[in-house]
Amino acid sequence: MTTKKVSVNDYFAGDAWGLEYFVGYAFPIGQYAVKAIQPYFMGDRIEYVNGRDYLRTDNGVGITFQLDYGFRVDYEHVFTSSTDNLGDMNLVRLRYDF
C-alpha cells in the first residue's frame, strides 16, 4: 500500500481481511517449444478493518504459456479499484521452475 503511514502494527492478523479467486484451464499443445497454454480469470479483495479506511479490489485476465525446459511466460491485465485510486496494471512474468 502506498501511504506514508508505516507501522508494524498494520501487518498482523485481525487488521485486514481478503478474498482471492482464480479460474483457468490449461490446454495441452505439445508442439515446438510450447507445452500448454492456460487462459485465466483472477481477482482479489483486501479491506483493512483497523480504522485505515482502505479497500482494494483487483480483477484480471491473463494467459500463461508453459514452455520446454521449465520456462513459463505469463501476461496479465489487472483492473484495479482502490481508495487510493491506483490504476490498472499490465504484468509480464518470466518464470523458471527447476
PDB file of N, CA and C in Angstrom:
ATOM      1  N   MET A   1       0.846  -1.166   0.000  1.00  0.00           N
ATOM      2  CA  MET A   1       0.000   0.000   0.000  1.00  0.00           C
ATOM      3  C   MET A   1       0.896   1.234   0.000  1.00  0.00           C
ATOM      4  N   THR A   2       0.529   2.233  -0.730  1.00  0.00           N
ATOM      5  CA  THR A   2       1.367   3.414  -0.892  1.00  0.00           C
ATOM      6  C   THR A   2       0.874   4.582  -0.045  1.00  0.00           C
ATOM      7  N   THR A   3       0.937   4.423   1.267  1.00  0.00           N
ATOM      8  CA  THR A   3       0.630   5.537   2.163  1.00  0.00           C
ATOM      9  C   THR A   3       1.884   5.857   2.951  1.00  0.00           C
ATOM     10  N   LYS A   4       1.945   7.042   3.515  1.00  0.00           N
ATOM     11  CA  LYS A   4       3.128   7.443   4.273  1.00  0.00           C
ATOM     12  C   LYS A   4       3.122   6.901   5.691  1.00  0.00           C
ATOM     13  N   LYS A   5       1.997   6.403   6.149  1.00  0.00           N
ATOM     14  CA  LYS A   5       1.896   5.864   7.499  1.00  0.00           C
ATOM     15  C   LYS A   5       2.457   4.444   7.509  1.00  0.00           C
ATOM     16  N   VAL A   6       3.563   4.227   8.215  1.00  0.00           N
ATOM     17  CA  VAL A   6       4.200   2.917   8.276  1.00  0.00           C
ATOM     18  C   VAL A   6       4.299   2.490   9.733  1.00  0.00           C
ATOM     19  N   SER A   7       3.776   1.305  10.022  1.00  0.00           N
ATOM     20  CA  SER A   7       3.814   0.787  11.378  1.00  0.00           C
ATOM     21  C   SER A   7       3.726  -0.729  11.324  1.00  0.00           C
ATOM     22  N   VAL A   8       4.490  -1.420  12.161  1.00  0.00           N
ATOM     23  CA  VAL A   8       4.427  -2.879  12.192  1.00  0.00           C
ATOM     24  C   VAL A   8       3.088  -3.370  12.710  1.00  0.00           C
ATOM     25  N   ASN A   9       2.322  -2.515  13.368  1.00  0.00           N
ATOM     26  CA  ASN A   9       1.016  -2.917  13.876  1.00  0.00           C
ATOM     27  C   ASN A   9      -0.014  -3.132  12.772  1.00  0.00           C
ATOM     28  N   ASP A  10       0.302  -2.714  11.537  1.00  0.00           N
ATOM     29  CA  ASP A  10      -0.629  -2.854  10.419  1.00  0.00           C
ATOM     30  C   ASP A  10      -0.514  -4.198   9.702  1.00  0.00           C
ATOM     31  N   TYR A  11       0.372  -5.081  10.132  1.00  0.00           N
ATOM     32  CA  TYR A  11       0.646  -6.295   9.377  1.00  0.00           C
ATOM     33  C   TYR A  11       0.365  -7.577  10.144  1.00  0.00           C
ATOM     34  N   PHE A  12      -0.460  -7.543  11.138  1.00  0.00           N
ATOM     35  CA  PHE A  12      -0.764  -8.728  11.920  1.00  0.00           C
ATOM     36  C   PHE A  12      -2.220  -9.130  11.756  1.00  0.00           C
ATOM     37  N   ALA A  13      -2.526 -10.360  12.124  1.00  0.00           N
ATOM     38  CA  ALA A  13      -3.887 -10.891  11.967  1.00  0.00           C
ATOM     39  C   ALA A  13      -4.891  -9.999  12.683  1.00  0.00           C
ATOM     40  N   GLY A  14      -6.041  -9.826  12.062  1.00  0.00           N
ATOM     41  CA  GLY A  14      -7.084  -9.024  12.658  1.00  0.00           C
ATOM     42  C   GLY A  14      -7.164  -7.612  12.120  1.00  0.00           C
ATOM     43  N   ASP A  15      -6.137  -7.177  11.396  1.00  0.00           N
ATOM     44  CA  ASP A  15      -6.135  -5.826  10.859  1.00  0.00           C
ATOM     45  C   ASP A  15      -6.780  -5.723   9.484  1.00  0.00           C
ATOM     46  N   ALA A  16      -6.878  -6.838   8.774  1.00  0.00           N
ATOM     47  CA  ALA A  16      -7.455  -6.815   7.429  1.00  0.00           C
ATOM     48  C   ALA A  16      -8.045  -8.182   7.111  1.00  0.00           C
ATOM     49  N   TRP A  17      -8.879  -8.186   6.099  1.00  0.00           N
ATOM     50  CA  TRP A  17      -9.384  -9.458   5.594  1.00  0.00           C
ATOM     51  C   TRP A  17      -9.354  -9.376   4.078  1.00  0.00           C
ATOM     52  N   GLY A  18      -9.287 -10.535   3.440  1.00  0.00           N
ATOM     53  CA  GLY A  18      -9.219 -10.545   1.987  1.00  0.00           C
ATOM     54  C   GLY A  18      -9.817 -11.805   1.405  1.00  0.00           C
ATOM     55  N   LEU A  19      -9.936 -11.785   0.104  1.00  0.00           N
ATOM     56  CA  LEU A  19     -10.518 -12.890  -0.635  1.00  0.00           C
ATOM     57  C   LEU A  19      -9.818 -12.952  -1.986  1.00  0.00           C
ATOM     58  N   GLU A  20      -9.530 -14.160  -2.482  1.00  0.00           N
ATOM     59  CA  GLU A  20      -8.892 -14.334  -3.781  1.00  0.00           C
ATOM     60  C   GLU A  20      -9.635 -15.385  -4.579  1.00  0.00           C
ATOM     61  N   TYR A  21      -9.566 -15.272  -5.913  1.00  0.00           N
ATOM     62  CA  TYR A  21     -10.097 -16.328  -6.767  1.00  0.00           C
ATOM     63  C   TYR A  21      -9.236 -16.468  -8.014  1.00  0.00           C
ATOM     64  N   PHE A  22      -9.263 -17.663  -8.587  1.00  0.00           N
ATOM     65  CA  PHE A  22      -8.516 -17.976  -9.806  1.00  0.00           C
ATOM     66  C   PHE A  22      -9.275 -19.069 -10.536  1.00  0.00           C
ATOM     67  N   VAL A  23      -9.581 -18.841 -11.807  1.00  0.00           N
ATOM     68  CA  VAL A  23     -10.260 -19.831 -12.631  1.00  0.00           C
ATOM     69  C   VAL A  23      -9.516 -19.907 -13.954  1.00  0.00           C
ATOM     70  N   GLY A  24      -9.032 -21.092 -14.277  1.00  0.00           N
ATOM     71  CA  GLY A  24      -8.317 -21.259 -15.538  1.00  0.00           C
ATOM     72  C   GLY A  24      -8.292 -22.713 -15.955  1.00  0.00           C
ATOM     73  N   TYR A  25      -7.960 -22.942 -17.200  1.00  0.00           N
ATOM     74  CA  TYR A  25      -7.843 -24.301 -17.715  1.00  0.00           C
ATOM     75  C   TYR A  25      -6.651 -24.347 -18.658  1.00  0.00           C
ATOM     76  N   ALA A  26      -5.777 -25.331 -18.467  1.00  0.00           N
ATOM     77  CA  ALA A  26      -4.589 -25.486 -19.306  1.00  0.00           C
ATOM     78  C   ALA A  26      -4.910 -26.386 -20.496  1.00  0.00           C
ATOM     79  N   PHE A  27      -4.727 -25.846 -21.686  1.00  0.00           N
ATOM     80  CA  PHE A  27      -4.914 -26.614 -22.912  1.00  0.00           C
ATOM     81  C   PHE A  27      -3.569 -27.182 -23.339  1.00  0.00           C
ATOM     82  N   PRO A  28      -3.439 -28.497 -23.408  1.00  0.00           N
ATOM     83  CA  PRO A  28      -2.167 -29.078 -23.838  1.00  0.00           C
ATOM     84  C   PRO A  28      -1.921 -28.800 -25.324  1.00  0.00           C
ATOM     85  N   ILE A  29      -0.720 -28.349 -25.650  1.00  0.00           N
ATOM     86  CA  ILE A  29      -0.361 -28.041 -27.033  1.00  0.00           C
ATOM     87  C   ILE A  29       0.655 -29.067 -27.538  1.00  0.00           C
ATOM     88  N   GLY A  30       1.793 -29.157 -26.856  1.00  0.00           N
ATOM     89  CA  GLY A  30       2.790 -30.174 -27.176  1.00  0.00           C
ATOM     90  C   GLY A  30       3.453 -30.028 -28.532  1.00  0.00           C
ATOM     91  N   GLN A  31       3.522 -28.823 -29.062  1.00  0.00           N
ATOM     92  CA  GLN A  31       4.196 -28.608 -30.342  1.00  0.00           C
ATOM     93  C   GLN A  31       5.266 -27.540 -30.186  1.00  0.00           C
ATOM     94  N   TYR A  32       6.369 -27.737 -30.880  1.00  0.00           N
ATOM     95  CA  TYR A  32       7.522 -26.848 -30.825  1.00  0.00           C
ATOM     96  C   TYR A  32       7.948 -26.688 -29.369  1.00  0.00           C
ATOM     97  N   ALA A  33       8.096 -25.495 -28.886  1.00  0.00           N
ATOM     98  CA  ALA A  33       8.560 -25.299 -27.509  1.00  0.00           C
ATOM     99  C   ALA A  33       7.414 -25.073 -26.531  1.00  0.00           C
ATOM    100  N   VAL A  34       6.169 -25.086 -26.992  1.00  0.00           N
ATOM    101  CA  VAL A  34       5.015 -24.796 -26.133  1.00  0.00           C
ATOM    102  C   VAL A  34       4.381 -26.095 -25.653  1.00  0.00           C
ATOM    103  N   LYS A  35       4.387 -26.298 -24.335  1.00  0.00           N
ATOM    104  CA  LYS A  35       3.746 -27.484 -23.759  1.00  0.00           C
ATOM    105  C   LYS A  35       2.256 -27.275 -23.555  1.00  0.00           C
ATOM    106  N   ALA A  36       1.878 -26.079 -23.041  1.00  0.00           N
ATOM    107  CA  ALA A  36       0.469 -25.808 -22.742  1.00  0.00           C
ATOM    108  C   ALA A  36       0.223 -24.304 -22.737  1.00  0.00           C
ATOM    109  N   ILE A  37      -1.041 -23.947 -22.961  1.00  0.00           N
ATOM    110  CA  ILE A  37      -1.493 -22.561 -22.869  1.00  0.00           C
ATOM    111  C   ILE A  37      -2.681 -22.538 -21.913  1.00  0.00           C
ATOM    112  N   GLN A  38      -2.643 -21.591 -20.960  1.00  0.00           N
ATOM    113  CA  GLN A  38      -3.709 -21.509 -19.966  1.00  0.00           C
ATOM    114  C   GLN A  38      -4.267 -20.088 -19.878  1.00  0.00           C
ATOM    115  N   PRO A  39      -5.458 -19.846 -20.439  1.00  0.00           N
ATOM    116  CA  PRO A  39      -6.124 -18.570 -20.168  1.00  0.00           C
ATOM    117  C   PRO A  39      -6.785 -18.627 -18.787  1.00  0.00           C
ATOM    118  N   TYR A  40      -6.886 -17.478 -18.122  1.00  0.00           N
ATOM    119  CA  TYR A  40      -7.474 -17.492 -16.782  1.00  0.00           C
ATOM    120  C   TYR A  40      -8.089 -16.147 -16.425  1.00  0.00           C
ATOM    121  N   PHE A  41      -8.951 -16.204 -15.423  1.00  0.00           N
ATOM    122  CA  PHE A  41      -9.538 -15.041 -14.765  1.00  0.00           C
ATOM    123  C   PHE A  41      -9.081 -15.076 -13.314  1.00  0.00           C
ATOM    124  N   MET A  42      -8.797 -13.928 -12.744  1.00  0.00           N
ATOM    125  CA  MET A  42      -8.345 -13.884 -11.359  1.00  0.00           C
ATOM    126  C   MET A  42      -8.850 -12.614 -10.691  1.00  0.00           C
ATOM    127  N   GLY A  43      -8.754 -12.615  -9.373  1.00  0.00           N
ATOM    128  CA  GLY A  43      -9.126 -11.420  -8.638  1.00  0.00           C
ATOM    129  C   GLY A  43      -8.838 -11.541  -7.162  1.00  0.00           C
ATOM    130  N   ASP A  44      -8.857 -10.413  -6.505  1.00  0.00           N
ATOM    131  CA  ASP A  44      -8.693 -10.388  -5.056  1.00  0.00           C
ATOM    132  C   ASP A  44      -9.320  -9.119  -4.502  1.00  0.00           C
ATOM    133  N   ARG A  45      -9.519  -9.145  -3.207  1.00  0.00           N
ATOM    134  CA  ARG A  45     -10.080  -8.000  -2.490  1.00  0.00           C
ATOM    135  C   ARG A  45      -9.432  -7.974  -1.115  1.00  0.00           C
ATOM    136  N   ILE A  46      -8.990  -6.807  -0.688  1.00  0.00           N
ATOM    137  CA  ILE A  46      -8.450  -6.646   0.657  1.00  0.00           C
ATOM    138  C   ILE A  46      -9.073  -5.394   1.267  1.00  0.00           C
ATOM    139  N   GLU A  47      -9.444  -5.525   2.529  1.00  0.00           N
ATOM    140  CA  GLU A  47     -10.047  -4.401   3.242  1.00  0.00           C
ATOM    141  C   GLU A  47      -9.482  -4.350   4.653  1.00  0.00           C
ATOM    142  N   TYR A  48      -8.981  -3.190   5.036  1.00  0.00           N
ATOM    143  CA  TYR A  48      -8.488  -3.004   6.395  1.00  0.00           C
ATOM    144  C   TYR A  48      -9.666  -2.752   7.326  1.00  0.00           C
ATOM    145  N   VAL A  49      -9.589  -3.308   8.517  1.00  0.00           N
ATOM    146  CA  VAL A  49     -10.665  -3.147   9.496  1.00  0.00           C
ATOM    147  C   VAL A  49     -10.178  -2.438  10.759  1.00  0.00           C
ATOM    148  N   ASN A  50      -9.007  -1.837  10.686  1.00  0.00           N
ATOM    149  CA  ASN A  50      -8.441  -1.193  11.871  1.00  0.00           C
ATOM    150  C   ASN A  50      -8.555   0.325  11.823  1.00  0.00           C
ATOM    151  N   GLY A  51      -9.509   0.844  11.044  1.00  0.00           N
ATOM    152  CA  GLY A  51      -9.706   2.279  11.007  1.00  0.00           C
ATOM    153  C   GLY A  51      -8.951   3.009   9.918  1.00  0.00           C
ATOM    154  N   ARG A  52      -8.234   2.301   9.045  1.00  0.00           N
ATOM    155  CA  ARG A  52      -7.466   2.976   7.996  1.00  0.00           C
ATOM    156  C   ARG A  52      -8.315   3.321   6.783  1.00  0.00           C
ATOM    157  N   ASP A  53      -9.518   2.782   6.686  1.00  0.00           N
ATOM    158  CA  ASP A  53     -10.429   3.093   5.586  1.00  0.00           C
ATOM    159  C   ASP A  53      -9.770   2.832   4.231  1.00  0.00           C
ATOM    160  N   TYR A  54      -9.269   1.616   4.030  1.00  0.00           N
ATOM    161  CA  TYR A  54      -8.631   1.253   2.761  1.00  0.00           C
ATOM    162  C   TYR A  54      -9.282   0.001   2.204  1.00  0.00           C
ATOM    163  N   LEU A  55      -9.627   0.055   0.931  1.00  0.00           N
ATOM    164  CA  LEU A  55     -10.233  -1.074   0.238  1.00  0.00           C
ATOM    165  C   LEU A  55      -9.621  -1.152  -1.150  1.00  0.00           C
ATOM    166  N   ARG A  56      -9.235  -2.359  -1.555  1.00  0.00           N
ATOM    167  CA  ARG A  56      -8.684  -2.569  -2.893  1.00  0.00           C
ATOM    168  C   ARG A  56      -9.296  -3.827  -3.477  1.00  0.00           C
ATOM    169  N   THR A  57      -9.795  -3.704  -4.705  1.00  0.00           N
ATOM    170  CA  THR A  57     -10.371  -4.829  -5.424  1.00  0.00           C
ATOM    171  C   THR A  57      -9.677  -4.940  -6.772  1.00  0.00           C
ATOM    172  N   ASP A  58      -9.119  -6.116  -7.060  1.00  0.00           N
ATOM    173  CA  ASP A  58      -8.458  -6.389  -8.336  1.00  0.00           C
ATOM    174  C   ASP A  58      -9.216  -7.489  -9.057  1.00  0.00           C
ATOM    175  N   ASN A  59      -9.425  -7.316 -10.346  1.00  0.00           N
ATOM    176  CA  ASN A  59      -9.949  -8.357 -11.219  1.00  0.00           C
ATOM    177  C   ASN A  59      -9.069  -8.354 -12.455  1.00  0.00           C
ATOM    178  N   GLY A  60      -8.786  -9.534 -12.991  1.00  0.00           N
ATOM    179  CA  GLY A  60      -7.887  -9.556 -14.127  1.00  0.00           C
ATOM    180  C   GLY A  60      -8.102 -10.743 -15.034  1.00  0.00           C
ATOM    181  N   VAL A  61      -7.527 -10.622 -16.214  1.00  0.00           N
ATOM    182  CA  VAL A  61      -7.498 -11.703 -17.191  1.00  0.00           C
ATOM    183  C   VAL A  61      -6.043 -11.910 -17.583  1.00  0.00           C
ATOM    184  N   GLY A  62      -5.715 -13.144 -17.890  1.00  0.00           N
ATOM    185  CA  GLY A  62      -4.337 -13.423 -18.251  1.00  0.00           C
ATOM    186  C   GLY A  62      -4.213 -14.675 -19.081  1.00  0.00           C
ATOM    187  N   ILE A  63      -2.988 -14.901 -19.537  1.00  0.00           N
ATOM    188  CA  ILE A  63      -2.678 -16.107 -20.287  1.00  0.00           C
ATOM    189  C   ILE A  63      -1.272 -16.552 -19.903  1.00  0.00           C
ATOM    190  N   THR A  64      -1.114 -17.853 -19.739  1.00  0.00           N
ATOM    191  CA  THR A  64       0.158 -18.450 -19.370  1.00  0.00           C
ATOM    192  C   THR A  64       0.612 -19.384 -20.479  1.00  0.00           C
ATOM    193  N   PHE A  65       1.884 -19.276 -20.833  1.00  0.00           N
ATOM    194  CA  PHE A  65       2.497 -20.169 -21.809  1.00  0.00           C
ATOM    195  C   PHE A  65       3.524 -21.027 -21.082  1.00  0.00           C
ATOM    196  N   GLN A  66       3.245 -22.326 -20.958  1.00  0.00           N
ATOM    197  CA  GLN A  66       4.196 -23.254 -20.347  1.00  0.00           C
ATOM    198  C   GLN A  66       5.111 -23.752 -21.459  1.00  0.00           C
ATOM    199  N   LEU A  67       6.415 -23.493 -21.307  1.00  0.00           N
ATOM    200  CA  LEU A  67       7.387 -23.807 -22.344  1.00  0.00           C
ATOM    201  C   LEU A  67       8.270 -24.980 -21.934  1.00  0.00           C
ATOM    202  N   ASP A  68       9.074 -25.446 -22.860  1.00  0.00           N
ATOM    203  CA  ASP A  68      10.025 -26.524 -22.576  1.00  0.00           C
ATOM    204  C   ASP A  68      11.074 -26.070 -21.565  1.00  0.00           C
ATOM    205  N   TYR A  69      11.720 -27.034 -20.960  1.00  0.00           N
ATOM    206  CA  TYR A  69      12.843 -26.830 -20.044  1.00  0.00           C
ATOM    207  C   TYR A  69      12.473 -26.039 -18.796  1.00  0.00           C
ATOM    208  N   GLY A  70      11.201 -26.034 -18.410  1.00  0.00           N
ATOM    209  CA  GLY A  70      10.788 -25.404 -17.164  1.00  0.00           C
ATOM    210  C   GLY A  70      10.498 -23.920 -17.234  1.00  0.00           C
ATOM    211  N   PHE A  71      10.507 -23.331 -18.412  1.00  0.00           N
ATOM    212  CA  PHE A  71      10.216 -21.903 -18.540  1.00  0.00           C
ATOM    213  C   PHE A  71       8.715 -21.667 -18.666  1.00  0.00           C
ATOM    214  N   ARG A  72       8.289 -20.520 -18.171  1.00  0.00           N
ATOM    215  CA  ARG A  72       6.885 -20.134 -18.262  1.00  0.00           C
ATOM    216  C   ARG A  72       6.797 -18.619 -18.419  1.00  0.00           C
ATOM    217  N   VAL A  73       5.903 -18.166 -19.292  1.00  0.00           N
ATOM    218  CA  VAL A  73       5.675 -16.738 -19.506  1.00  0.00           C
ATOM    219  C   VAL A  73       4.209 -16.450 -19.210  1.00  0.00           C
ATOM    220  N   ASP A  74       3.959 -15.454 -18.356  1.00  0.00           N
ATOM    221  CA  ASP A  74       2.602 -15.042 -18.001  1.00  0.00           C
ATOM    222  C   ASP A  74       2.392 -13.603 -18.462  1.00  0.00           C
ATOM    223  N   TYR A  75       1.224 -13.338 -19.021  1.00  0.00           N
ATOM    224  CA  TYR A  75       0.789 -11.966 -19.278  1.00  0.00           C
ATOM    225  C   TYR A  75      -0.547 -11.786 -18.572  1.00  0.00           C
ATOM    226  N   GLU A  76      -0.687 -10.662 -17.867  1.00  0.00           N
ATOM    227  CA  GLU A  76      -1.887 -10.433 -17.074  1.00  0.00           C
ATOM    228  C   GLU A  76      -2.262  -8.953 -17.126  1.00  0.00           C
ATOM    229  N   HIS A  77      -3.537  -8.689 -17.326  1.00  0.00           N
ATOM    230  CA  HIS A  77      -4.051  -7.320 -17.207  1.00  0.00           C
ATOM    231  C   HIS A  77      -4.966  -7.285 -15.988  1.00  0.00           C
ATOM    232  N   VAL A  78      -4.677  -6.375 -15.065  1.00  0.00           N
ATOM    233  CA  VAL A  78      -5.410  -6.286 -13.803  1.00  0.00           C
ATOM    234  C   VAL A  78      -6.181  -4.968 -13.763  1.00  0.00           C
ATOM    235  N   PHE A  79      -7.486  -5.076 -13.553  1.00  0.00           N
ATOM    236  CA  PHE A  79      -8.358  -3.918 -13.386  1.00  0.00           C
ATOM    237  C   PHE A  79      -8.461  -3.647 -11.885  1.00  0.00           C
ATOM    238  N   THR A  80      -7.996  -2.488 -11.442  1.00  0.00           N
ATOM    239  CA  THR A  80      -7.911  -2.187 -10.016  1.00  0.00           C
ATOM    240  C   THR A  80      -8.865  -1.064  -9.631  1.00  0.00           C
ATOM    241  N   SER A  81      -9.546  -1.270  -8.514  1.00  0.00           N
ATOM    242  CA  SER A  81     -10.372  -0.238  -7.902  1.00  0.00           C
ATOM    243  C   SER A  81      -9.934  -0.132  -6.447  1.00  0.00           C
ATOM    244  N   SER A  82      -9.465   1.045  -6.038  1.00  0.00           N
ATOM    245  CA  SER A  82      -8.972   1.194  -4.670  1.00  0.00           C
ATOM    246  C   SER A  82      -9.255   2.597  -4.155  1.00  0.00           C
ATOM    247  N   THR A  83      -9.194   2.742  -2.843  1.00  0.00           N
ATOM    248  CA  THR A  83      -9.459   4.040  -2.239  1.00  0.00           C
ATOM    249  C   THR A  83      -8.338   5.035  -2.513  1.00  0.00           C
ATOM    250  N   ASP A  84      -7.133   4.563  -2.882  1.00  0.00           N
ATOM    251  CA  ASP A  84      -6.051   5.487  -3.233  1.00  0.00           C
ATOM    252  C   ASP A  84      -5.900   5.645  -4.745  1.00  0.00           C
ATOM    253  N   ASN A  85      -6.931   5.232  -5.504  1.00  0.00           N
ATOM    254  CA  ASN A  85      -7.025   5.445  -6.950  1.00  0.00           C
ATOM    255  C   ASN A  85      -5.839   4.895  -7.739  1.00  0.00           C
ATOM    256  N   LEU A  86      -5.412   3.677  -7.418  1.00  0.00           N
ATOM    257  CA  LEU A  86      -4.389   3.020  -8.228  1.00  0.00           C
ATOM    258  C   LEU A  86      -4.950   2.735  -9.607  1.00  0.00           C
ATOM    259  N   GLY A  87      -4.105   2.773 -10.603  1.00  0.00           N
ATOM    260  CA  GLY A  87      -4.547   2.496 -11.963  1.00  0.00           C
ATOM    261  C   GLY A  87      -4.477   1.018 -12.290  1.00  0.00           C
ATOM    262  N   ASP A  88      -4.970   0.674 -13.472  1.00  0.00           N
ATOM    263  CA  ASP A  88      -4.876  -0.700 -13.954  1.00  0.00           C
ATOM    264  C   ASP A  88      -3.414  -1.042 -14.231  1.00  0.00           C
ATOM    265  N   MET A  89      -3.115  -2.350 -14.244  1.00  0.00           N
ATOM    266  CA  MET A  89      -1.736  -2.794 -14.432  1.00  0.00           C
ATOM    267  C   MET A  89      -1.655  -3.847 -15.525  1.00  0.00           C
ATOM    268  N   ASN A  90      -0.544  -3.843 -16.244  1.00  0.00           N
ATOM    269  CA  ASN A  90      -0.174  -4.921 -17.144  1.00  0.00           C
ATOM    270  C   ASN A  90       1.069  -5.572 -16.559  1.00  0.00           C
ATOM    271  N   LEU A  91       1.024  -6.883 -16.382  1.00  0.00           N
ATOM    272  CA  LEU A  91       2.139  -7.609 -15.788  1.00  0.00           C
ATOM    273  C   LEU A  91       2.637  -8.669 -16.757  1.00  0.00           C
ATOM    274  N   VAL A  92       3.953  -8.791 -16.863  1.00  0.00           N
ATOM    275  CA  VAL A  92       4.576  -9.870 -17.629  1.00  0.00           C
ATOM    276  C   VAL A  92       5.569 -10.542 -16.695  1.00  0.00           C
ATOM    277  N   ARG A  93       5.449 -11.860 -16.552  1.00  0.00           N
ATOM    278  CA  ARG A  93       6.343 -12.625 -15.684  1.00  0.00           C
ATOM    279  C   ARG A  93       7.042 -13.699 -16.502  1.00  0.00           C
ATOM    280  N   LEU A  94       8.320 -13.859 -16.262  1.00  0.00           N
ATOM    281  CA  LEU A  94       9.089 -14.973 -16.819  1.00  0.00           C
ATOM    282  C   LEU A  94       9.536 -15.822 -15.648  1.00  0.00           C
ATOM    283  N   ARG A  95       9.141 -17.090 -15.647  1.00  0.00           N
ATOM    284  CA  ARG A  95       9.481 -17.995 -14.545  1.00  0.00           C
ATOM    285  C   ARG A  95      10.298 -19.157 -15.057  1.00  0.00           C
ATOM    286  N   TYR A  96      11.128 -19.664 -14.165  1.00  0.00           N
ATOM    287  CA  TYR A  96      11.884 -20.878 -14.452  1.00  0.00           C
ATOM    288  C   TYR A  96      11.705 -21.821 -13.275  1.00  0.00           C
ATOM    289  N   ASP A  97      11.132 -22.979 -13.514  1.00  0.00           N
ATOM    290  CA  ASP A  97      10.952 -23.995 -12.477  1.00  0.00           C
ATOM    291  C   ASP A  97      12.048 -25.034 -12.631  1.00  0.00           C
ATOM    292  N   PHE A  98      12.886 -25.146 -11.615  1.00  0.00           N
ATOM    293  CA  PHE A  98      13.980 -26.123 -11.691  1.00  0.00           C
ATOM    294  C   PHE A  98      13.791 -27.248 -10.718  1.00  0.00           C
TER     295      PHE A  98
END
